[in-house]
Amino acid sequence: MSAHTITEETDAKLLFMTSIISAFADACEMKSQEAYMHLKKHGGMDFINEHWRDLNAKNVTDALREICGVCRKNGSTANPPFMNKKTVEEETDDKINFMPFIIQKFARAYKMGSQQAYLYLKKHGGLDYLSECWWALHTDNPYWAIRDMYHMCLHNGGMR
């Protein structure tokens, strides 16, 4: 396997993990960082890391239910509303599809790998901005979303 293939797989994994954490956060009405910490504490992150390919092949609701099942076995008492619904709301599904798309566009625009772009956005508040403002960002040309994310990161100490 070439280094290029490993990088593409790592990028795909990272984008999936970002999206599923965001979906979990939305469903549980948590911030992304809180959702990440909850998943980490209750074994969800380890499970996602190990089974991301299988989870990625499922619809979002089924993937989240499986992850929550693991967390419950490890002491979580969270009861996200989606556990009792048949499907994740269409808006959440749209957000899950938009976030990896725009992170990849950001990466290309600033000549970064997807992983590097993700880490840059995470470090400088771009992911939080994207998660909170995705609806407005996704209705416009990707150029403007990328520019807004860049300015948010720049405002929070990012350089480029």
N, C-alpha and C. Protein backbone atom coordinates (compact mmCIF):
# COMPACT_ATOMS: atom_id res chain seq x y z
N MET A 1 0.85 -1.17 0.00
CA MET A 1 0.00 0.00 0.00
C MET A 1 0.90 1.24 0.00
N SER A 2 0.61 2.19 -0.84
CA SER A 2 1.45 3.39 -0.94
C SER A 2 1.09 4.39 0.15
N ALA A 3 2.01 5.31 0.40
CA ALA A 3 1.76 6.37 1.38
C ALA A 3 0.57 7.21 0.96
N HIS A 4 0.40 7.41 -0.34
CA HIS A 4 -0.71 8.20 -0.85
C HIS A 4 -2.05 7.55 -0.49
N THR A 5 -2.14 6.24 -0.63
CA THR A 5 -3.36 5.51 -0.30
C THR A 5 -3.67 5.62 1.19
N ILE A 6 -2.66 5.48 2.00
CA ILE A 6 -2.86 5.60 3.45
C ILE A 6 -3.36 7.00 3.79
N THR A 7 -2.81 8.01 3.17
CA THR A 7 -3.24 9.38 3.43
C THR A 7 -4.69 9.58 3.03
N GLU A 8 -5.10 9.07 1.89
CA GLU A 8 -6.49 9.18 1.45
C GLU A 8 -7.42 8.47 2.43
N GLU A 9 -7.01 7.29 2.90
CA GLU A 9 -7.82 6.56 3.87
C GLU A 9 -7.91 7.32 5.18
N THR A 10 -6.79 7.88 5.62
CA THR A 10 -6.77 8.67 6.85
C THR A 10 -7.67 9.88 6.71
N ASP A 11 -7.62 10.54 5.56
CA ASP A 11 -8.48 11.70 5.33
C ASP A 11 -9.95 11.30 5.38
N ALA A 12 -10.29 10.19 4.73
CA ALA A 12 -11.68 9.72 4.73
C ALA A 12 -12.14 9.40 6.15
N LYS A 13 -11.27 8.75 6.90
CA LYS A 13 -11.59 8.40 8.29
C LYS A 13 -11.80 9.64 9.13
N LEU A 14 -10.91 10.60 9.00
CA LEU A 14 -10.99 11.83 9.77
C LEU A 14 -12.27 12.61 9.44
N LEU A 15 -12.60 12.70 8.17
CA LEU A 15 -13.81 13.41 7.77
C LEU A 15 -15.06 12.69 8.29
N PHE A 16 -15.06 11.36 8.24
CA PHE A 16 -16.19 10.61 8.78
C PHE A 16 -16.32 10.86 10.28
N MET A 17 -15.20 10.77 10.99
CA MET A 17 -15.25 10.95 12.44
C MET A 17 -15.74 12.35 12.81
N THR A 18 -15.29 13.35 12.08
CA THR A 18 -15.74 14.72 12.33
C THR A 18 -17.25 14.83 12.14
N SER A 19 -17.73 14.25 11.06
CA SER A 19 -19.16 14.32 10.75
C SER A 19 -20.00 13.58 11.78
N ILE A 20 -19.57 12.41 12.19
CA ILE A 20 -20.37 11.62 13.12
C ILE A 20 -20.36 12.25 14.51
N ILE A 21 -19.25 12.86 14.91
CA ILE A 21 -19.21 13.57 16.20
C ILE A 21 -20.16 14.77 16.15
N SER A 22 -20.15 15.48 15.04
CA SER A 22 -21.04 16.62 14.87
C SER A 22 -22.51 16.18 14.91
N ALA A 23 -22.82 15.07 14.26
CA ALA A 23 -24.19 14.55 14.28
C ALA A 23 -24.60 14.15 15.69
N PHE A 24 -23.69 13.51 16.41
CA PHE A 24 -23.95 13.13 17.80
C PHE A 24 -24.19 14.37 18.65
N ALA A 25 -23.33 15.38 18.46
CA ALA A 25 -23.47 16.63 19.21
C ALA A 25 -24.82 17.28 18.95
N ASP A 26 -25.22 17.36 17.68
CA ASP A 26 -26.51 17.95 17.34
C ASP A 26 -27.66 17.17 17.96
N ALA A 27 -27.60 15.86 17.84
CA ALA A 27 -28.68 15.02 18.34
C ALA A 27 -28.81 15.12 19.86
N CYS A 28 -27.69 15.27 20.54
CA CYS A 28 -27.69 15.35 22.01
C CYS A 28 -27.72 16.78 22.52
N GLU A 29 -27.78 17.73 21.60
CA GLU A 29 -27.78 19.15 21.94
C GLU A 29 -26.58 19.51 22.80
N MET A 30 -25.41 19.09 22.33
CA MET A 30 -24.13 19.38 22.97
C MET A 30 -23.26 20.15 22.00
N LYS A 31 -22.23 20.78 22.51
CA LYS A 31 -21.21 21.34 21.64
C LYS A 31 -20.34 20.17 21.17
N SER A 32 -19.65 20.37 20.05
CA SER A 32 -18.82 19.30 19.49
C SER A 32 -17.79 18.80 20.49
N GLN A 33 -17.16 19.70 21.23
CA GLN A 33 -16.14 19.30 22.21
C GLN A 33 -16.75 18.45 23.32
N GLU A 34 -17.94 18.82 23.79
CA GLU A 34 -18.62 18.04 24.82
C GLU A 34 -18.96 16.64 24.30
N ALA A 35 -19.44 16.59 23.06
CA ALA A 35 -19.78 15.31 22.46
C ALA A 35 -18.54 14.43 22.34
N TYR A 36 -17.45 15.02 21.89
CA TYR A 36 -16.20 14.27 21.77
C TYR A 36 -15.77 13.71 23.13
N MET A 37 -15.81 14.54 24.16
CA MET A 37 -15.39 14.10 25.49
C MET A 37 -16.31 12.99 26.02
N HIS A 38 -17.60 13.13 25.76
CA HIS A 38 -18.56 12.11 26.19
C HIS A 38 -18.26 10.78 25.49
N LEU A 39 -18.07 10.84 24.18
CA LEU A 39 -17.77 9.63 23.41
C LEU A 39 -16.45 9.01 23.87
N LYS A 40 -15.47 9.85 24.14
CA LYS A 40 -14.17 9.35 24.57
C LYS A 40 -14.28 8.66 25.94
N LYS A 41 -15.01 9.28 26.85
CA LYS A 41 -15.17 8.74 28.21
C LYS A 41 -15.88 7.39 28.21
N HIS A 42 -16.82 7.21 27.29
CA HIS A 42 -17.65 6.01 27.31
C HIS A 42 -17.33 5.02 26.19
N GLY A 43 -16.13 5.12 25.62
CA GLY A 43 -15.68 4.14 24.64
C GLY A 43 -16.17 4.34 23.22
N GLY A 44 -16.93 5.38 23.00
CA GLY A 44 -17.47 5.63 21.66
C GLY A 44 -16.39 5.98 20.64
N MET A 45 -15.40 6.77 21.06
CA MET A 45 -14.34 7.17 20.12
C MET A 45 -13.50 5.96 19.72
N ASP A 46 -13.19 5.10 20.66
CA ASP A 46 -12.44 3.89 20.33
C ASP A 46 -13.23 3.02 19.36
N PHE A 47 -14.53 2.91 19.61
CA PHE A 47 -15.39 2.12 18.74
C PHE A 47 -15.45 2.72 17.33
N ILE A 48 -15.62 4.03 17.25
CA ILE A 48 -15.67 4.71 15.95
C ILE A 48 -14.33 4.51 15.23
N ASN A 49 -13.24 4.68 15.94
CA ASN A 49 -11.92 4.54 15.35
C ASN A 49 -11.71 3.14 14.78
N GLU A 50 -12.18 2.14 15.50
CA GLU A 50 -11.98 0.75 15.07
C GLU A 50 -12.95 0.32 13.98
N HIS A 51 -14.18 0.83 14.01
CA HIS A 51 -15.24 0.35 13.11
C HIS A 51 -15.73 1.42 12.13
N TRP A 52 -14.94 2.44 11.85
CA TRP A 52 -15.42 3.57 11.05
C TRP A 52 -15.89 3.15 9.66
N ARG A 53 -15.24 2.18 9.04
CA ARG A 53 -15.66 1.77 7.69
C ARG A 53 -17.08 1.18 7.71
N ASP A 54 -17.34 0.31 8.68
CA ASP A 54 -18.67 -0.29 8.78
C ASP A 54 -19.72 0.77 9.12
N LEU A 55 -19.39 1.66 10.03
CA LEU A 55 -20.32 2.72 10.41
C LEU A 55 -20.60 3.65 9.24
N ASN A 56 -19.57 3.94 8.46
CA ASN A 56 -19.71 4.85 7.33
C ASN A 56 -20.64 4.26 6.26
N ALA A 57 -20.72 2.94 6.20
CA ALA A 57 -21.58 2.28 5.21
C ALA A 57 -23.05 2.29 5.64
N LYS A 58 -23.32 2.61 6.89
CA LYS A 58 -24.69 2.62 7.41
C LYS A 58 -25.29 4.01 7.26
N ASN A 59 -26.61 4.10 7.41
CA ASN A 59 -27.19 5.43 7.47
C ASN A 59 -26.84 6.05 8.82
N VAL A 60 -26.92 7.34 8.90
CA VAL A 60 -26.46 8.07 10.08
C VAL A 60 -27.16 7.62 11.35
N THR A 61 -28.46 7.44 11.28
CA THR A 61 -29.22 7.04 12.47
C THR A 61 -28.74 5.70 13.01
N ASP A 62 -28.57 4.73 12.13
CA ASP A 62 -28.12 3.41 12.57
C ASP A 62 -26.71 3.47 13.15
N ALA A 63 -25.84 4.25 12.53
CA ALA A 63 -24.47 4.40 13.04
C ALA A 63 -24.50 5.02 14.44
N LEU A 64 -25.29 6.07 14.61
CA LEU A 64 -25.37 6.73 15.92
C LEU A 64 -25.97 5.80 16.97
N ARG A 65 -26.96 5.02 16.59
CA ARG A 65 -27.55 4.07 17.54
C ARG A 65 -26.52 3.04 17.99
N GLU A 66 -25.73 2.56 17.05
CA GLU A 66 -24.71 1.57 17.39
C GLU A 66 -23.65 2.17 18.33
N ILE A 67 -23.24 3.38 18.03
CA ILE A 67 -22.25 4.07 18.87
C ILE A 67 -22.82 4.29 20.27
N CYS A 68 -24.08 4.72 20.35
CA CYS A 68 -24.71 4.95 21.66
C CYS A 68 -24.85 3.65 22.45
N GLY A 69 -25.09 2.56 21.74
CA GLY A 69 -25.16 1.26 22.41
C GLY A 69 -23.85 0.93 23.10
N VAL A 70 -22.75 1.20 22.42
CA VAL A 70 -21.42 0.97 23.01
C VAL A 70 -21.23 1.87 24.23
N CYS A 71 -21.61 3.14 24.08
CA CYS A 71 -21.45 4.08 25.20
C CYS A 71 -22.28 3.66 26.41
N ARG A 72 -23.49 3.18 26.16
CA ARG A 72 -24.35 2.75 27.28
C ARG A 72 -23.75 1.55 28.00
N LYS A 73 -23.15 0.64 27.23
CA LYS A 73 -22.49 -0.51 27.86
C LYS A 73 -21.33 -0.06 28.74
N ASN A 74 -20.81 1.12 28.47
CA ASN A 74 -19.68 1.66 29.23
C ASN A 74 -20.10 2.76 30.20
N GLY A 75 -21.36 2.76 30.61
CA GLY A 75 -21.80 3.63 31.69
C GLY A 75 -22.48 4.93 31.29
N SER A 76 -22.67 5.20 30.01
CA SER A 76 -23.35 6.43 29.61
C SER A 76 -24.84 6.33 29.93
N THR A 77 -25.39 7.42 30.43
CA THR A 77 -26.83 7.47 30.69
C THR A 77 -27.52 8.42 29.71
N ALA A 78 -26.77 8.92 28.73
CA ALA A 78 -27.35 9.83 27.74
C ALA A 78 -28.45 9.10 26.96
N ASN A 79 -29.53 9.81 26.70
CA ASN A 79 -30.62 9.25 25.92
C ASN A 79 -30.98 10.23 24.81
N PRO A 80 -30.14 10.26 23.78
CA PRO A 80 -30.41 11.20 22.69
C PRO A 80 -31.76 10.92 22.03
N PRO A 81 -32.44 11.97 21.59
CA PRO A 81 -33.76 11.79 20.99
C PRO A 81 -33.75 10.84 19.79
N PHE A 82 -32.66 10.79 19.02
CA PHE A 82 -32.65 9.95 17.83
C PHE A 82 -32.75 8.47 18.17
N MET A 83 -32.46 8.11 19.42
CA MET A 83 -32.58 6.71 19.81
C MET A 83 -34.03 6.25 19.72
N ASN A 84 -34.95 7.19 19.79
CA ASN A 84 -36.37 6.86 19.76
C ASN A 84 -37.03 7.22 18.44
N LYS A 85 -36.26 7.72 17.48
CA LYS A 85 -36.80 8.11 16.18
C LYS A 85 -36.33 7.11 15.13
N LYS A 86 -37.07 7.06 14.03
CA LYS A 86 -36.67 6.15 12.96
C LYS A 86 -35.47 6.67 12.18
N THR A 87 -35.40 7.97 11.94
CA THR A 87 -34.31 8.51 11.14
C THR A 87 -33.82 9.83 11.71
N VAL A 88 -32.60 10.18 11.38
CA VAL A 88 -32.08 11.48 11.73
C VAL A 88 -32.80 12.50 10.85
N GLU A 89 -33.07 13.64 11.40
CA GLU A 89 -33.74 14.67 10.62
C GLU A 89 -32.96 14.98 9.36
N GLU A 90 -33.68 15.36 8.34
CA GLU A 90 -33.07 15.67 7.05
C GLU A 90 -32.02 16.77 7.19
N GLU A 91 -32.29 17.75 8.03
CA GLU A 91 -31.34 18.86 8.22
C GLU A 91 -30.01 18.35 8.78
N THR A 92 -30.07 17.44 9.73
CA THR A 92 -28.85 16.87 10.30
C THR A 92 -28.10 16.08 9.24
N ASP A 93 -28.82 15.33 8.44
CA ASP A 93 -28.19 14.57 7.36
C ASP A 93 -27.51 15.51 6.36
N ASP A 94 -28.17 16.63 6.04
CA ASP A 94 -27.57 17.62 5.14
C ASP A 94 -26.28 18.18 5.73
N LYS A 95 -26.29 18.45 7.03
CA LYS A 95 -25.11 18.99 7.70
C LYS A 95 -23.96 17.99 7.64
N ILE A 96 -24.27 16.73 7.86
CA ILE A 96 -23.25 15.68 7.83
C ILE A 96 -22.63 15.59 6.45
N ASN A 97 -23.41 15.79 5.43
CA ASN A 97 -22.88 15.75 4.07
C ASN A 97 -22.10 17.02 3.72
N PHE A 98 -22.52 18.16 4.24
CA PHE A 98 -21.87 19.42 3.91
C PHE A 98 -20.49 19.57 4.55
N MET A 99 -20.36 19.17 5.80
CA MET A 99 -19.11 19.42 6.52
C MET A 99 -17.88 18.79 5.85
N PRO A 100 -17.88 17.52 5.51
CA PRO A 100 -16.70 16.97 4.82
C PRO A 100 -16.46 17.63 3.46
N PHE A 101 -17.56 17.96 2.77
CA PHE A 101 -17.45 18.61 1.47
C PHE A 101 -16.71 19.94 1.58
N ILE A 102 -17.10 20.76 2.54
CA ILE A 102 -16.50 22.09 2.64
C ILE A 102 -15.10 22.03 3.24
N ILE A 103 -14.83 21.06 4.12
CA ILE A 103 -13.47 20.90 4.64
C ILE A 103 -12.53 20.52 3.51
N GLN A 104 -12.97 19.65 2.61
CA GLN A 104 -12.13 19.29 1.46
C GLN A 104 -11.93 20.48 0.53
N LYS A 105 -12.96 21.28 0.32
CA LYS A 105 -12.83 22.49 -0.50
C LYS A 105 -11.85 23.47 0.14
N PHE A 106 -11.93 23.62 1.45
CA PHE A 106 -11.01 24.49 2.19
C PHE A 106 -9.58 23.99 2.01
N ALA A 107 -9.40 22.67 2.14
CA ALA A 107 -8.08 22.07 2.00
C ALA A 107 -7.49 22.37 0.62
N ARG A 108 -8.29 22.19 -0.41
CA ARG A 108 -7.81 22.45 -1.78
C ARG A 108 -7.49 23.93 -1.98
N ALA A 109 -8.34 24.79 -1.45
CA ALA A 109 -8.15 26.23 -1.65
C ALA A 109 -6.85 26.72 -1.02
N TYR A 110 -6.47 26.13 0.10
CA TYR A 110 -5.27 26.57 0.81
C TYR A 110 -4.13 25.56 0.71
N LYS A 111 -4.24 24.68 -0.28
CA LYS A 111 -3.18 23.71 -0.58
C LYS A 111 -2.74 22.92 0.65
N MET A 112 -3.72 22.33 1.30
CA MET A 112 -3.49 21.49 2.48
C MET A 112 -4.10 20.11 2.19
N GLY A 113 -3.66 19.12 2.95
CA GLY A 113 -4.35 17.85 2.95
C GLY A 113 -5.62 18.00 3.78
N SER A 114 -6.56 17.09 3.62
CA SER A 114 -7.81 17.17 4.39
C SER A 114 -7.54 17.12 5.89
N GLN A 115 -6.60 16.27 6.29
CA GLN A 115 -6.28 16.15 7.71
C GLN A 115 -5.68 17.45 8.24
N GLN A 116 -4.77 18.03 7.49
CA GLN A 116 -4.15 19.29 7.91
C GLN A 116 -5.21 20.40 8.00
N ALA A 117 -6.11 20.45 7.03
CA ALA A 117 -7.18 21.45 7.05
C ALA A 117 -8.08 21.25 8.26
N TYR A 118 -8.44 19.99 8.52
CA TYR A 118 -9.28 19.68 9.67
C TYR A 118 -8.63 20.16 10.96
N LEU A 119 -7.36 19.82 11.14
CA LEU A 119 -6.65 20.22 12.36
C LEU A 119 -6.53 21.73 12.49
N TYR A 120 -6.26 22.41 11.37
CA TYR A 120 -6.17 23.87 11.36
C TYR A 120 -7.52 24.48 11.75
N LEU A 121 -8.59 23.99 11.13
CA LEU A 121 -9.93 24.52 11.43
C LEU A 121 -10.31 24.24 12.89
N LYS A 122 -9.97 23.06 13.37
CA LYS A 122 -10.28 22.71 14.76
C LYS A 122 -9.52 23.61 15.73
N LYS A 123 -8.24 23.81 15.47
CA LYS A 123 -7.39 24.60 16.36
C LYS A 123 -7.83 26.06 16.43
N HIS A 124 -8.29 26.60 15.31
CA HIS A 124 -8.56 28.04 15.24
C HIS A 124 -10.05 28.39 15.17
N GLY A 125 -10.90 27.49 15.61
CA GLY A 125 -12.33 27.80 15.73
C GLY A 125 -13.14 27.66 14.45
N GLY A 126 -12.51 27.24 13.39
CA GLY A 126 -13.24 27.10 12.13
C GLY A 126 -14.28 25.99 12.14
N LEU A 127 -13.99 24.89 12.84
CA LEU A 127 -14.96 23.79 12.91
C LEU A 127 -16.17 24.17 13.74
N ASP A 128 -15.94 24.86 14.85
CA ASP A 128 -17.08 25.32 15.66
C ASP A 128 -17.95 26.28 14.86
N TYR A 129 -17.28 27.20 14.14
CA TYR A 129 -18.00 28.14 13.29
C TYR A 129 -18.79 27.38 12.23
N LEU A 130 -18.17 26.42 11.61
CA LEU A 130 -18.81 25.63 10.57
C LEU A 130 -20.01 24.88 11.14
N SER A 131 -19.84 24.28 12.30
CA SER A 131 -20.93 23.53 12.92
C SER A 131 -22.11 24.43 13.28
N GLU A 132 -21.81 25.62 13.79
CA GLU A 132 -22.87 26.53 14.22
C GLU A 132 -23.54 27.26 13.06
N CYS A 133 -22.79 27.56 12.00
CA CYS A 133 -23.30 28.39 10.91
C CYS A 133 -23.46 27.63 9.59
N TRP A 134 -23.43 26.32 9.63
CA TRP A 134 -23.42 25.54 8.41
C TRP A 134 -24.61 25.84 7.50
N TRP A 135 -25.77 26.11 8.10
CA TRP A 135 -26.96 26.33 7.28
C TRP A 135 -26.77 27.53 6.35
N ALA A 136 -26.33 28.63 6.90
CA ALA A 136 -26.09 29.81 6.08
C ALA A 136 -24.94 29.58 5.10
N LEU A 137 -23.89 28.92 5.56
CA LEU A 137 -22.73 28.68 4.70
C LEU A 137 -23.06 27.77 3.53
N HIS A 138 -23.91 26.79 3.74
CA HIS A 138 -24.17 25.82 2.67
C HIS A 138 -25.11 26.35 1.59
N THR A 139 -25.78 27.46 1.87
CA THR A 139 -26.71 28.00 0.87
C THR A 139 -26.02 28.91 -0.13
N ASP A 140 -24.77 29.24 0.12
CA ASP A 140 -24.04 30.16 -0.75
C ASP A 140 -22.96 29.41 -1.52
N ASN A 141 -22.30 30.12 -2.38
CA ASN A 141 -21.18 29.58 -3.14
C ASN A 141 -20.11 29.11 -2.15
N PRO A 142 -19.52 27.92 -2.36
CA PRO A 142 -18.48 27.45 -1.44
C PRO A 142 -17.33 28.45 -1.25
N TYR A 143 -17.05 29.25 -2.25
CA TYR A 143 -16.00 30.26 -2.14
C TYR A 143 -16.22 31.14 -0.90
N TRP A 144 -17.45 31.58 -0.71
CA TRP A 144 -17.75 32.49 0.41
C TRP A 144 -17.66 31.75 1.75
N ALA A 145 -18.09 30.50 1.79
CA ALA A 145 -17.98 29.71 3.02
C ALA A 145 -16.52 29.53 3.40
N ILE A 146 -15.69 29.22 2.41
CA ILE A 146 -14.26 29.03 2.65
C ILE A 146 -13.63 30.33 3.14
N ARG A 147 -14.00 31.42 2.50
CA ARG A 147 -13.47 32.73 2.91
C ARG A 147 -13.88 33.06 4.34
N ASP A 148 -15.15 32.82 4.69
CA ASP A 148 -15.63 33.09 6.05
C ASP A 148 -14.90 32.23 7.07
N MET A 149 -14.68 30.96 6.75
CA MET A 149 -13.96 30.06 7.66
C MET A 149 -12.52 30.54 7.84
N TYR A 150 -11.91 30.97 6.74
CA TYR A 150 -10.54 31.49 6.80
C TYR A 150 -10.47 32.70 7.74
N HIS A 151 -11.41 33.63 7.58
CA HIS A 151 -11.41 34.84 8.41
C HIS A 151 -11.68 34.50 9.88
N MET A 152 -12.54 33.53 10.14
CA MET A 152 -12.80 33.10 11.52
C MET A 152 -11.51 32.54 12.13
N CYS A 153 -10.80 31.71 11.38
CA CYS A 153 -9.55 31.14 11.87
C CYS A 153 -8.50 32.23 12.08
N LEU A 154 -8.42 33.15 11.14
CA LEU A 154 -7.46 34.24 11.24
C LEU A 154 -7.74 35.08 12.50
N HIS A 155 -9.02 35.32 12.75
CA HIS A 155 -9.44 36.07 13.93
C HIS A 155 -9.05 35.34 15.23
N ASN A 156 -8.97 34.02 15.17
CA ASN A 156 -8.63 33.21 16.34
C ASN A 156 -7.18 32.74 16.36
N GLY A 157 -6.32 33.49 15.70
CA GLY A 157 -4.88 33.21 15.77
C GLY A 157 -4.31 32.39 14.64
N GLY A 158 -5.12 32.03 13.68
CA GLY A 158 -4.63 31.24 12.54
C GLY A 158 -3.82 32.11 11.60
N MET A 159 -2.93 31.46 10.90
CA MET A 159 -2.09 32.17 9.91
C MET A 159 -2.08 31.35 8.64
N ARG A 160 -1.87 32.04 7.58
CA ARG A 160 -1.74 31.34 6.29
C ARG A 160 -1.26 32.29 5.25
